[in-house]
């Protein structure tokens, strides 16, 4: 959908524009609040005390000064995010998008900021791809259904933006990380690399995580392979290569990248000389698990050498709160669609890791299809992600997504609209 980067002077110009269109007294008041606050040693969440946009601009100003003094520094996310927002608003103003002024006011509302920023991003992508867009003012005191956007006066769009992680998700992630760390230590100690799949029927707890690590240690100590179970935990073990065994990836060092799991899987299959080491992991490749690929990369005679190839994957049978909340958002958003024209629901999963998003997309498919099976007013659902990357010379902002089209829709999305969304 969109990938871009900016030069420092461009970013500074767009942030200056953003500051100018916001209420100056509001922004100055927010800045004073940030400057005067002194967090205590225990106040780890002090950032939430401030308006997110004001705090972002405040950080951006500091980061810009640092980049000016040190020309070798890359632009940070704190610079790019408000700069891209400023650029988007300037672009929409230039194209006279109806309802934009109300959205600028909404950006200064703490409760509306995240959702409004997402609406602006979606509108910008559509207008850049030749569509006519207008923002619809919410009529909360009336019975009339009001979507957030209209495309070409014929497509209704409702936008939702989710929190990156709930408390429950964070606990599961922290305990998964604990298991991964301990599993690495165990493989190092016993000198054997593994693919480890762990499936639990319930959420992880500290006791369950400790028991899993203890059980793993006994299995790996005995060099076991296969499927093993205790209580509600199931572990699949498959040996890969010996500790520190070097494998030529077949890739030039100049194009070495962080391989996706399916690419890595194929590569391991191709380079494994011992057929007993071939890995057969269809469930993992179907992205049912939250997995981590752990590889040491090095360069030797212009080639990329892989060492200590390990894959550790963990999945609970209960869907994450994030996925459940997305489905809840879709069900809430559909109430704003009139049913008189095609309706598109856009859900942004917020800035979270690419690995988790890829898995989320896979798990969401069946859940969204279940909604489509019982609903004809939703024409499609666009699930998007935002993330920042750098290649060592530039920092990039990307906003992409996956469009689910409802085959049962009473009013399907026109193909030209689909092409504009995905362009």
Foldseek 3Di string as FASTA:
>chain_A
DDKDFDDLVLLVVLLVLLCVLADVVLLVVLVVVVVPDDDDPPCPPCCVVGQVVSVLSVVLVVQSVVCVVPVLDFRDPSSPPSSVLSVLLVVCVVVVAAPSSVLSVLCSPSVRNVQSSVVSVLVSLLVVLPWRKHAWDDDPVDPAFAAGMDTNNFEGEHEAEDDQADPLRVVLVVLLVVLVVLLVVLCVVQFFAKAKEKEFQDRDDPVNSVVVSVVSNVCVNVVHAAWDDDDRMIMGIATADTAFDKWFQPDFPVPDDDDDPVVVLVSSQVGDPDVSRRDDDPVVVLLQWLKDWDWDWDDDPRTIITGRTHMYTYYYPDDHPLLVVVLVVVVVRLSSQPLPHAYEYEYESEEDDPSVVVSSVSVNPVVVLVVLVVDQSHQKYWYKYWYWDDDSRHIMIDIATDIGGRPNHPHHDDPSSVVSSHD
